[in-house]
Protein backbone atom coordinates (compact mmCIF):
# COMPACT_ATOMS: atom_id res chain seq x y z
CA MET A 1 -18.90 4.52 27.55
CA LYS A 2 -18.45 0.79 26.43
CA LEU A 3 -20.30 -0.15 23.25
CA LEU A 4 -20.36 -3.32 21.30
CA ASP A 5 -18.53 -3.36 17.89
CA ILE A 6 -20.79 -3.89 15.06
CA LYS A 7 -18.05 -6.19 13.68
CA HIS A 8 -18.78 -8.58 16.53
CA LEU A 9 -22.43 -8.43 15.91
CA HIS A 10 -21.78 -9.82 12.43
CA LEU A 11 -19.22 -12.45 13.54
CA GLN A 12 -21.26 -13.80 16.52
CA SER A 13 -25.03 -12.82 15.62
CA GLU A 14 -26.25 -16.02 17.37
CA LYS A 15 -24.85 -15.15 20.60
CA PHE A 16 -26.74 -11.82 20.67
CA LYS A 17 -30.04 -13.16 19.54
CA ASP A 18 -33.01 -11.58 21.43
CA LYS A 19 -30.50 -9.70 23.86
CA THR A 20 -30.34 -6.06 24.39
CA VAL A 21 -27.27 -4.39 22.81
CA THR A 22 -25.71 -0.92 22.74
CA ILE A 23 -23.90 0.41 19.73
CA GLY A 24 -22.60 3.69 18.38
CA GLY A 25 -21.77 5.12 14.95
CA TRP A 26 -22.39 7.47 12.18
CA VAL A 27 -25.68 7.76 10.28
CA ARG A 28 -25.47 6.60 6.49
CA SER A 29 -29.12 7.18 5.90
CA VAL A 30 -32.40 7.64 7.58
CA ARG A 31 -35.80 6.43 5.96
CA GLY A 32 -39.06 6.83 7.75
CA ASN A 33 -42.76 7.88 7.86
CA LYS A 34 -44.93 9.21 10.67
CA ASP A 35 -44.73 6.05 12.95
CA PHE A 36 -41.61 4.15 12.17
CA GLY A 37 -38.18 4.45 10.54
CA PHE A 38 -34.90 2.87 9.59
CA ILE A 39 -31.21 3.98 10.26
CA ASP A 40 -28.29 2.47 8.25
CA LEU A 41 -25.61 2.89 10.86
CA ASN A 42 -21.86 2.12 10.77
CA ASP A 43 -19.16 2.48 13.51
CA GLY A 44 -16.23 1.77 11.42
CA THR A 45 -15.37 -1.73 12.77
CA SER A 46 -17.01 -3.63 9.85
CA PHE A 47 -17.50 -3.01 6.16
CA LYS A 48 -21.00 -3.93 6.90
CA GLY A 49 -23.20 -1.72 8.94
CA VAL A 50 -26.38 -2.56 10.73
CA GLN A 51 -30.19 -1.57 10.44
CA VAL A 52 -31.67 0.13 13.26
CA VAL A 53 -35.42 0.19 13.48
CA PHE A 54 -37.09 2.96 15.56
CA THR A 55 -40.83 3.53 16.23
CA ARG A 56 -42.73 6.38 17.60
CA GLU A 57 -43.86 4.14 20.30
CA ASN A 58 -40.35 2.91 21.67
CA CYS A 59 -38.21 6.04 20.73
CA LYS A 60 -39.09 9.14 22.72
CA ASN A 61 -37.20 11.64 20.55
CA PHE A 62 -38.68 10.09 17.39
CA ASP A 63 -39.28 13.32 15.44
CA GLU A 64 -35.69 14.49 16.04
CA VAL A 65 -34.11 11.16 15.14
CA GLU A 66 -36.23 11.10 11.84
CA LYS A 67 -34.74 14.26 10.84
CA LEU A 68 -31.02 13.27 11.16
CA ASN A 69 -28.87 13.74 8.22
CA THR A 70 -26.12 11.58 6.89
CA GLY A 71 -22.98 11.75 8.90
CA SER A 72 -24.78 12.45 12.28
CA SER A 73 -23.49 10.41 15.26
CA ILE A 74 -25.56 8.66 17.71
CA LYS A 75 -25.80 5.79 20.28
CA CYS A 76 -28.46 3.18 20.03
CA GLU A 77 -29.63 0.72 22.54
CA GLY A 78 -32.19 -2.00 21.48
CA LEU A 79 -33.17 -5.55 21.06
CA PHE A 80 -31.11 -7.64 18.74
CA VAL A 81 -33.34 -9.53 16.41
CA LEU A 82 -32.27 -12.03 13.79
CA THR A 83 -33.84 -11.62 10.32
CA PRO A 84 -32.58 -14.36 8.02
CA GLU A 85 -35.52 -13.94 5.65
CA ASN A 86 -34.48 -10.36 4.98
CA LYS A 87 -31.64 -8.97 2.89
CA GLN A 88 -29.80 -8.06 6.15
CA PRO A 89 -29.25 -10.99 8.64
CA PHE A 90 -30.17 -9.04 11.76
CA GLU A 91 -31.45 -5.64 12.88
CA ILE A 92 -31.76 -3.74 16.12
CA HIS A 93 -35.03 -2.72 17.37
CA ALA A 94 -34.22 0.59 19.22
CA THR A 95 -35.58 1.46 22.67
CA ASP A 96 -33.36 4.42 23.21
CA ILE A 97 -31.49 6.61 20.68
CA GLU A 98 -28.93 9.40 21.91
CA ILE A 99 -27.75 11.81 19.50
CA PHE A 100 -24.19 13.00 19.93
CA SER A 101 -23.79 15.40 17.07
CA LYS A 102 -25.93 16.42 13.99
CA THR A 103 -24.68 17.34 10.72
CA ASP A 104 -26.50 20.18 8.49
CA SER A 105 -27.00 20.85 4.95
CA THR A 106 -23.15 21.90 4.59
CA TYR A 107 -21.96 18.11 5.34
CA PRO A 108 -20.03 17.50 2.15
CA LEU A 109 -21.01 13.88 1.78
CA GLN A 110 -24.80 14.33 1.64
CA LYS A 111 -25.28 13.24 -1.87
CA LYS A 112 -24.11 9.97 -3.32
CA GLY A 113 -21.84 9.62 -6.45
CA GLN A 114 -19.36 12.46 -5.71
CA SER A 115 -16.26 12.35 -7.96
CA MET A 116 -13.00 10.93 -6.80
CA GLU A 117 -11.36 14.45 -7.14
CA PHE A 118 -14.15 15.84 -4.84
CA LEU A 119 -13.35 13.10 -2.25
CA ARG A 120 -9.66 13.77 -2.41
CA GLU A 121 -10.35 17.37 -1.69
CA ASN A 122 -12.30 16.27 1.32
CA ALA A 123 -9.83 13.42 2.51
CA TYR A 124 -10.65 14.00 6.10
CA LEU A 125 -14.25 12.70 5.50
CA ARG A 126 -13.67 10.17 2.71
CA PRO A 127 -13.20 7.15 5.01
CA ARG A 128 -17.13 7.46 5.78
CA THR A 129 -17.83 6.28 2.24
CA ASN A 130 -18.23 2.67 1.41
CA LEU A 131 -15.47 2.86 -1.00
CA PHE A 132 -12.81 4.23 1.29
CA ASN A 133 -14.03 2.32 4.20
CA ALA A 134 -13.40 -0.84 2.25
CA VAL A 135 -10.06 0.50 0.85
CA PHE A 136 -8.41 1.39 4.25
CA ARG A 137 -9.74 -1.74 5.93
CA VAL A 138 -7.87 -3.78 3.25
CA ARG A 139 -4.94 -1.80 3.65
CA SER A 140 -4.90 -2.28 7.45
CA GLU A 141 -5.29 -6.08 6.93
CA ALA A 142 -2.61 -6.22 4.27
CA CYS A 143 -0.17 -4.46 6.51
CA PHE A 144 -0.73 -6.82 9.35
CA ALA A 145 -0.45 -10.01 6.90
CA LEU A 146 2.95 -8.71 5.63
CA HIS A 147 4.31 -8.35 9.27
CA LYS A 148 2.72 -11.76 10.05
CA PHE A 149 4.52 -13.38 6.99
CA PHE A 150 7.86 -12.15 7.91
CA ASN A 151 7.60 -12.78 11.57
CA GLU A 152 6.63 -16.39 10.70
CA LYS A 153 9.68 -16.61 8.39
CA GLY A 154 11.89 -15.40 11.25
CA PHE A 155 12.80 -11.99 9.99
CA VAL A 156 13.65 -9.18 12.48
CA TYR A 157 11.55 -6.03 11.91
CA LEU A 158 13.97 -3.01 11.93
CA HIS A 159 13.05 0.68 12.28
CA ALA A 160 15.31 2.46 9.97
CA PRO A 161 16.03 6.21 10.12
CA ILE A 162 13.89 8.72 8.05
CA LEU A 163 16.96 11.10 7.85
CA THR A 164 19.82 10.18 5.69
CA SER A 165 22.89 11.47 4.28
CA SER A 166 23.27 9.10 1.10
CA ASP A 167 21.17 8.59 -2.00
CA CYS A 168 20.44 4.99 -2.09
CA GLU A 169 19.12 5.06 -5.76
CA GLY A 170 21.77 7.56 -6.89
CA ALA A 171 18.96 9.39 -8.75
CA GLY A 172 19.20 12.71 -6.93
CA GLU A 173 15.57 13.05 -6.28
CA LEU A 174 15.68 13.82 -2.66
CA PHE A 175 14.13 16.35 -0.35
CA ARG A 176 16.63 18.19 1.61
CA VAL A 177 16.08 18.70 5.34
CA SER A 178 17.75 21.73 6.75
CA SER A 179 18.05 23.43 10.38
CA GLN A 180 18.85 26.76 8.79
CA ASP A 181 16.59 29.54 7.79
CA ILE A 182 15.93 28.46 4.07
CA TYR A 183 14.07 31.80 3.70
CA ALA A 184 17.05 34.01 4.70
CA GLY A 185 18.24 34.55 1.08
CA LYS A 186 21.71 33.00 1.74
CA LYS A 187 23.23 29.96 0.28
CA LEU A 188 22.92 27.00 2.80
CA ASP A 189 26.24 25.82 4.00
CA PRO A 190 26.23 22.13 4.79
CA LYS A 191 28.87 22.90 7.65
CA ASP A 192 26.40 24.82 9.42
CA GLU A 193 23.80 22.32 9.43
CA MET A 194 22.78 20.36 12.58
CA PHE A 195 24.44 17.15 11.50
CA GLY A 196 27.39 19.10 9.84
CA LYS A 197 26.46 17.87 6.26
CA ALA A 198 23.47 17.85 3.96
CA VAL A 199 20.67 15.58 5.20
CA PHE A 200 17.70 14.23 3.17
CA LEU A 201 14.27 12.41 3.75
CA SER A 202 15.25 8.84 2.93
CA PRO A 203 14.14 7.39 -0.36
CA SER A 204 14.85 3.80 0.67
CA CYS A 205 16.09 1.97 3.81
CA GLN A 206 17.89 -0.79 1.96
CA LEU A 207 21.48 0.23 2.90
CA GLU A 208 20.57 0.35 6.48
CA GLY A 209 18.71 -2.86 6.10
CA GLU A 210 21.84 -4.43 4.88
CA THR A 211 23.84 -3.73 7.86
CA PHE A 212 21.40 -5.74 10.00
CA ALA A 213 20.94 -8.57 7.60
CA LEU A 214 24.66 -9.04 7.76
CA SER A 215 24.51 -9.86 11.52
CA LEU A 216 20.88 -11.04 12.17
CA GLY A 217 20.40 -12.88 8.91
CA LYS A 218 16.79 -12.02 7.92
CA THR A 219 15.51 -8.44 8.42
CA TYR A 220 12.95 -6.26 6.87
CA THR A 221 11.94 -2.44 7.15
CA PHE A 222 8.42 -1.12 6.65
CA GLY A 223 7.81 2.55 6.63
CA PRO A 224 7.55 5.88 4.63
CA SER A 225 9.88 6.86 1.91
CA PHE A 226 10.30 10.08 0.14
CA ARG A 227 11.12 11.09 -3.33
CA ALA A 228 11.12 14.56 -4.84
CA GLU A 229 10.04 13.51 -8.10
CA ASN A 230 7.80 16.17 -9.78
CA SER A 231 5.54 13.31 -11.33
CA ASN A 232 1.80 13.64 -11.43
CA THR A 233 1.15 10.08 -12.64
CA VAL A 234 -1.51 7.76 -11.03
CA LYS A 235 1.21 5.66 -9.72
CA HIS A 236 3.69 8.01 -8.09
CA ALA A 237 3.54 9.70 -4.71
CA ASN A 238 6.24 11.94 -3.06
CA GLU A 239 5.58 9.98 0.17
CA PHE A 240 4.86 6.48 0.17
CA TRP A 241 5.18 3.20 2.12
CA HIS A 242 7.91 0.78 1.46
CA ILE A 243 8.55 -2.72 2.53
CA GLU A 244 12.21 -3.72 2.18
CA PRO A 245 13.61 -7.02 3.16
CA GLU A 246 17.30 -7.98 3.22
CA ILE A 247 18.34 -11.74 3.52
CA ALA A 248 21.89 -13.01 4.01
CA PHE A 249 23.26 -15.87 2.04
CA TYR A 250 20.23 -15.48 -0.44
CA GLU A 251 20.98 -15.44 -4.19
CA LEU A 252 18.73 -13.83 -6.88
CA PHE A 253 16.43 -16.89 -7.46
CA ASP A 254 16.10 -17.17 -3.59
CA ASP A 255 14.87 -13.75 -3.64
CA MET A 256 12.42 -14.40 -6.29
CA ASP A 257 11.04 -17.29 -4.39
CA ILE A 258 10.32 -15.34 -1.26
CA MET A 259 8.74 -12.57 -3.27
CA GLU A 260 6.41 -14.86 -4.89
CA GLU A 261 5.43 -16.60 -1.46
CA MET A 262 5.01 -13.27 0.02
CA ILE A 263 2.37 -11.85 -2.70
CA LYS A 264 0.49 -15.21 -2.49
CA TYR A 265 0.40 -15.11 1.22
CA VAL A 266 -1.05 -11.70 1.62
CA ILE A 267 -3.59 -12.29 -1.11
CA GLY A 268 -4.77 -15.57 0.59
CA TYR A 269 -4.96 -13.67 3.89
CA LEU A 270 -7.22 -10.96 2.21
CA PHE A 271 -9.35 -13.72 0.74
CA ASP A 272 -9.94 -14.91 4.24
CA LYS A 273 -10.29 -11.69 6.19
CA CYS A 274 -11.74 -9.28 3.69
CA LYS A 275 -14.17 -11.25 1.64
CA SER A 276 -17.04 -8.51 1.80
CA GLU A 277 -14.47 -5.69 0.79
CA LEU A 278 -13.09 -7.68 -2.15
CA GLU A 279 -16.68 -8.59 -3.31
CA PHE A 280 -17.47 -4.90 -3.13
CA PHE A 281 -14.39 -3.90 -5.36
CA ASP A 282 -15.22 -6.66 -7.85
CA LYS A 283 -18.64 -5.45 -8.14
CA PHE A 284 -18.24 -1.57 -8.30
CA VAL A 285 -14.47 -0.76 -8.99
CA GLU A 286 -12.87 -3.48 -11.20
CA LYS A 287 -15.00 -6.16 -12.75
CA GLY A 288 -13.08 -9.53 -12.59
CA LEU A 289 -10.81 -8.37 -9.71
CA ILE A 290 -11.35 -11.61 -7.57
CA ASP A 291 -10.54 -13.75 -10.67
CA LYS A 292 -7.45 -11.77 -11.19
CA LEU A 293 -6.26 -12.21 -7.68
CA LYS A 294 -7.01 -15.89 -7.70
CA ASN A 295 -4.87 -16.23 -10.83
CA VAL A 296 -1.94 -14.64 -9.04
CA HIS A 297 -2.52 -16.76 -6.02
CA GLU A 298 -2.72 -19.94 -7.92
CA SER A 299 -0.24 -19.49 -10.54
CA GLU A 300 3.44 -20.41 -10.78
CA PHE A 301 5.30 -16.96 -11.62
CA ALA A 302 7.08 -17.15 -14.85
CA ARG A 303 10.85 -16.18 -15.18
CA VAL A 304 12.48 -14.63 -18.11
CA THR A 305 15.96 -12.75 -18.63
CA TYR A 306 15.77 -9.30 -19.79
CA THR A 307 17.50 -10.48 -22.96
CA GLU A 308 14.58 -13.08 -23.71
CA ALA A 309 11.97 -10.38 -22.67
CA ILE A 310 13.49 -7.87 -25.23
CA ASP A 311 13.63 -10.45 -27.87
CA ILE A 312 9.95 -11.33 -27.35
CA LEU A 313 8.77 -7.74 -27.32
CA SER A 314 10.66 -6.70 -30.26
CA GLN A 315 8.63 -9.10 -32.26
CA HIS A 316 5.59 -6.91 -31.35
CA ASN A 317 7.16 -3.38 -31.72
CA ASP A 318 4.26 -2.34 -33.90
CA LYS A 319 2.09 -2.34 -30.92
CA PHE A 320 4.13 -0.09 -28.63
CA GLU A 321 4.49 3.62 -28.52
CA PHE A 322 8.05 3.04 -27.12
CA LYS A 323 9.96 0.74 -29.21
CA VAL A 324 12.21 -1.80 -27.48
CA PHE A 325 15.84 -2.53 -28.02
CA TRP A 326 18.57 -4.20 -25.86
CA GLY A 327 19.61 -1.53 -23.35
CA CYS A 328 16.29 0.16 -23.09
CA ASP A 329 14.12 0.47 -19.94
CA ILE A 330 11.24 -1.46 -20.07
CA GLN A 331 8.08 0.63 -20.05
CA THR A 332 4.69 -0.07 -18.51
CA GLU A 333 3.10 -1.02 -21.83
CA HIS A 334 5.84 -3.67 -22.21
CA GLU A 335 5.20 -4.91 -18.78
CA LYS A 336 1.47 -5.15 -19.25
CA TYR A 337 2.04 -6.93 -22.65
CA LEU A 338 4.35 -9.58 -21.13
CA THR A 339 2.19 -10.37 -18.30
CA GLN A 340 -1.33 -10.13 -20.01
CA GLU A 341 -0.65 -11.26 -23.52
CA ILE A 342 2.39 -13.40 -23.33
CA TYR A 343 2.26 -15.11 -20.14
CA GLY A 344 -1.14 -14.51 -18.63
CA ARG A 345 0.39 -14.55 -15.07
CA PRO A 346 3.05 -12.61 -12.91
CA VAL A 347 6.61 -12.65 -14.46
CA PHE A 348 10.12 -12.01 -13.00
CA VAL A 349 12.27 -10.20 -15.50
CA TYR A 350 16.01 -10.60 -14.46
CA ASP A 351 19.54 -9.87 -15.51
CA TYR A 352 19.10 -6.09 -16.60
CA PRO A 353 21.84 -4.09 -18.24
CA LYS A 354 24.06 -2.51 -15.66
CA GLU A 355 23.47 0.98 -17.14
CA ILE A 356 19.80 1.25 -16.03
CA LYS A 357 20.08 -0.35 -12.55
CA ALA A 358 21.64 0.93 -9.31
CA PHE A 359 25.29 0.78 -8.17
CA TYR A 360 24.77 -1.87 -5.43
CA MET A 361 23.44 -4.73 -7.67
CA ARG A 362 25.79 -7.50 -8.21
CA LEU A 363 27.53 -7.48 -11.43
CA ASN A 364 27.39 -10.71 -13.69
CA ASP A 365 30.23 -12.47 -15.27
CA ASP A 366 29.44 -10.93 -18.59
CA GLY A 367 30.28 -7.31 -17.21
CA LYS A 368 27.16 -6.05 -19.04
CA THR A 369 24.22 -7.09 -16.86
CA VAL A 370 23.51 -7.28 -13.08
CA LYS A 371 21.65 -9.82 -10.96
CA ALA A 372 18.43 -7.65 -10.53
CA THR A 373 14.91 -8.52 -11.27
CA ASP A 374 11.47 -6.88 -11.47
CA LEU A 375 8.21 -8.58 -10.49
CA LEU A 376 5.68 -7.74 -13.20
CA VAL A 377 1.96 -8.51 -12.49
CA PRO A 378 -1.07 -8.40 -14.96
CA GLY A 379 -2.79 -5.12 -14.90
CA ILE A 380 -0.33 -2.86 -13.39
CA GLY A 381 3.21 -3.73 -14.51
CA GLU A 382 6.00 -3.55 -11.97
CA LEU A 383 5.16 -4.36 -8.36
CA CYS A 384 8.67 -5.26 -6.76
CA GLY A 385 12.24 -4.60 -7.69
CA ALA A 386 15.08 -6.81 -6.36
CA SER A 387 18.56 -7.73 -6.65
CA GLU A 388 21.47 -9.76 -5.35
CA ARG A 389 23.54 -7.05 -3.72
CA GLU A 390 27.18 -6.55 -4.75
CA GLU A 391 29.38 -8.21 -2.08
CA ARG A 392 32.73 -7.71 -3.60
CA TYR A 393 34.55 -4.56 -2.35
CA ASP A 394 36.55 -3.87 -5.48
CA VAL A 395 33.77 -4.28 -7.79
CA LEU A 396 31.38 -2.09 -5.60
CA LEU A 397 33.97 0.62 -5.43
CA ASN A 398 34.39 0.68 -9.12
CA ARG A 399 30.65 0.97 -9.72
CA ILE A 400 30.34 3.94 -7.18
CA HIS A 401 33.09 5.74 -9.21
CA GLU A 402 31.58 4.68 -12.46
CA LEU A 403 28.32 6.47 -11.60
CA GLY A 404 30.07 9.54 -10.26
CA LEU A 405 28.92 8.95 -6.52
CA ASN A 406 30.82 10.19 -3.60
CA GLU A 407 32.81 7.38 -2.02
CA LYS A 408 32.93 9.07 1.20
CA ASP A 409 29.04 8.96 1.67
CA TYR A 410 29.26 5.16 1.39
CA TRP A 411 32.49 4.36 3.61
CA TRP A 412 30.39 2.29 6.00
CA TYR A 413 28.62 0.47 3.14
CA LEU A 414 31.95 -0.43 1.78
CA ASN A 415 33.38 -1.61 5.00
CA LEU A 416 30.65 -4.19 5.20
CA ARG A 417 32.39 -5.65 2.23
CA ARG A 418 35.62 -5.86 4.07
CA PHE A 419 34.37 -7.20 7.48
CA GLY A 420 32.83 -10.56 6.89
CA SER A 421 30.93 -9.99 3.57
CA VAL A 422 28.60 -12.65 2.26
CA LYS A 423 26.28 -12.98 -0.84
CA HIS A 424 22.93 -11.44 0.10
CA SER A 425 19.84 -10.18 -1.62
CA GLY A 426 16.84 -8.02 -0.91
CA PHE A 427 13.70 -6.49 -2.47
CA GLY A 428 11.43 -3.53 -2.32
CA MET A 429 7.64 -3.35 -2.88
CA GLY A 430 5.84 -0.03 -2.80
CA PHE A 431 2.92 -0.90 -0.36
CA ASP A 432 0.51 1.60 -1.74
CA ARG A 433 1.00 0.23 -5.40
CA PHE A 434 0.25 -3.27 -4.08
CA ILE A 435 -2.93 -1.98 -2.27
CA MET A 436 -3.89 -0.52 -5.81
CA TYR A 437 -3.47 -3.81 -7.24
CA VAL A 438 -5.61 -5.74 -4.56
CA THR A 439 -8.48 -3.34 -4.58
CA GLY A 440 -8.55 -2.27 -8.32
CA MET A 441 -8.17 1.43 -7.52
CA GLN A 442 -6.78 3.30 -10.37
CA ASN A 443 -4.86 6.28 -8.70
CA ILE A 444 -2.35 5.85 -5.82
CA ARG A 445 -4.03 9.03 -4.37
CA ASP A 446 -7.02 6.92 -3.39
CA VAL A 447 -5.08 4.18 -1.40
CA ILE A 448 -3.12 6.58 0.81
CA PRO A 449 -4.96 8.20 3.83
CA PHE A 450 -3.43 11.57 3.29
CA PRO A 451 -1.50 11.51 -0.25
CA ARG A 452 1.56 13.84 -0.84
CA THR A 453 1.83 14.57 -4.35
CA PRO A 454 3.00 17.64 -6.32
CA HIS A 455 0.95 20.66 -5.05
CA ASN A 456 -0.88 18.54 -2.65
CA CYS A 457 -0.13 18.65 1.13
CA GLU A 458 -3.47 19.94 2.46
CA PHE A 459 -4.25 17.91 5.48
């Protein structure tokens, strides 16, 4: 069964003028009286659906079609008619409607205006709503745009492992994967594991990415990451998608340049490919979203050292729940204040105290700070984390010992510093958080198809 995509009808409406077309899809609504009716039909290929006009004269199963509920699936054949004078640019005058499947009164999406929590509980159906149709279409296009950007820049796409034996971040919030019977009541012995050691779901592919960057020059990974953090905030998930480029011969400011270029590229791509979806979000989700994104797209991102940022913020300490001081971690309220009140645009904060950053970040000459930066954007705070990687063997080994990490777990990572080491940099961006930003959605659970958060692994 070959059907026309509704997307193509919208893109090439003149081509189909006065021709017979056949489409399939799911009913959004049915309106009618005793002699004619209207179906709002969507097949998922376009945010915009199509209006199907059916009459008793031309539709042999008129009475059955008129009683269809939201969510029913049909195939429709009919005449494609341009209607420039109406709200919709065209409609289909049905000559035949075949019903594939009817929904009944138990269909969960019968009513409009269900709560976000209700839709999360019915995540298997929520893509059929206008909101989630738009969210996941934007997610798909943004994903493609990222691949396109890095491909055009000459990066090599790397499939990194999901299983790892090392903790990249050193935070210890890892999901352990075991081949032993964890319910047997005995202590798990790493020696009896399939890999002969404790293995975890990877929280980051950075370390693996570095190995390829130090031979291929420019690489990136893009896939799921896992963190066993018992956090129920609107910005955290236990399984999330992560894009992590690694670039040989790049220093920290080079890293900032490509992050800024990447963000602007993807936003520009979405303006081009997802105009209807962004207009929908601007109207119904976040007023002013398009202006916010245009500001990011057109602004030159600010750059400020951590020390300068703390000096600025400390002058406004009376406005914050968490008071700032040199050595503290910058909180979301501080990030928003910097981007929205001080600069009015995205900001790179760099040269953080070494005590609040990971072991692999390059130590500055002052011995107190590292070549690390966070990209902060108006409205959400941190979007990307980046650093110049520590390429000096002795310094890296000392940092591993300082933080109490097991040197044996990083033997190969240390060897990279012995065998042709060069300055190199990289960054990570939580893709789901980026989708929150460009859609205006306020909860990470609503931009992930099937979110994995504490006490939530239903589908």
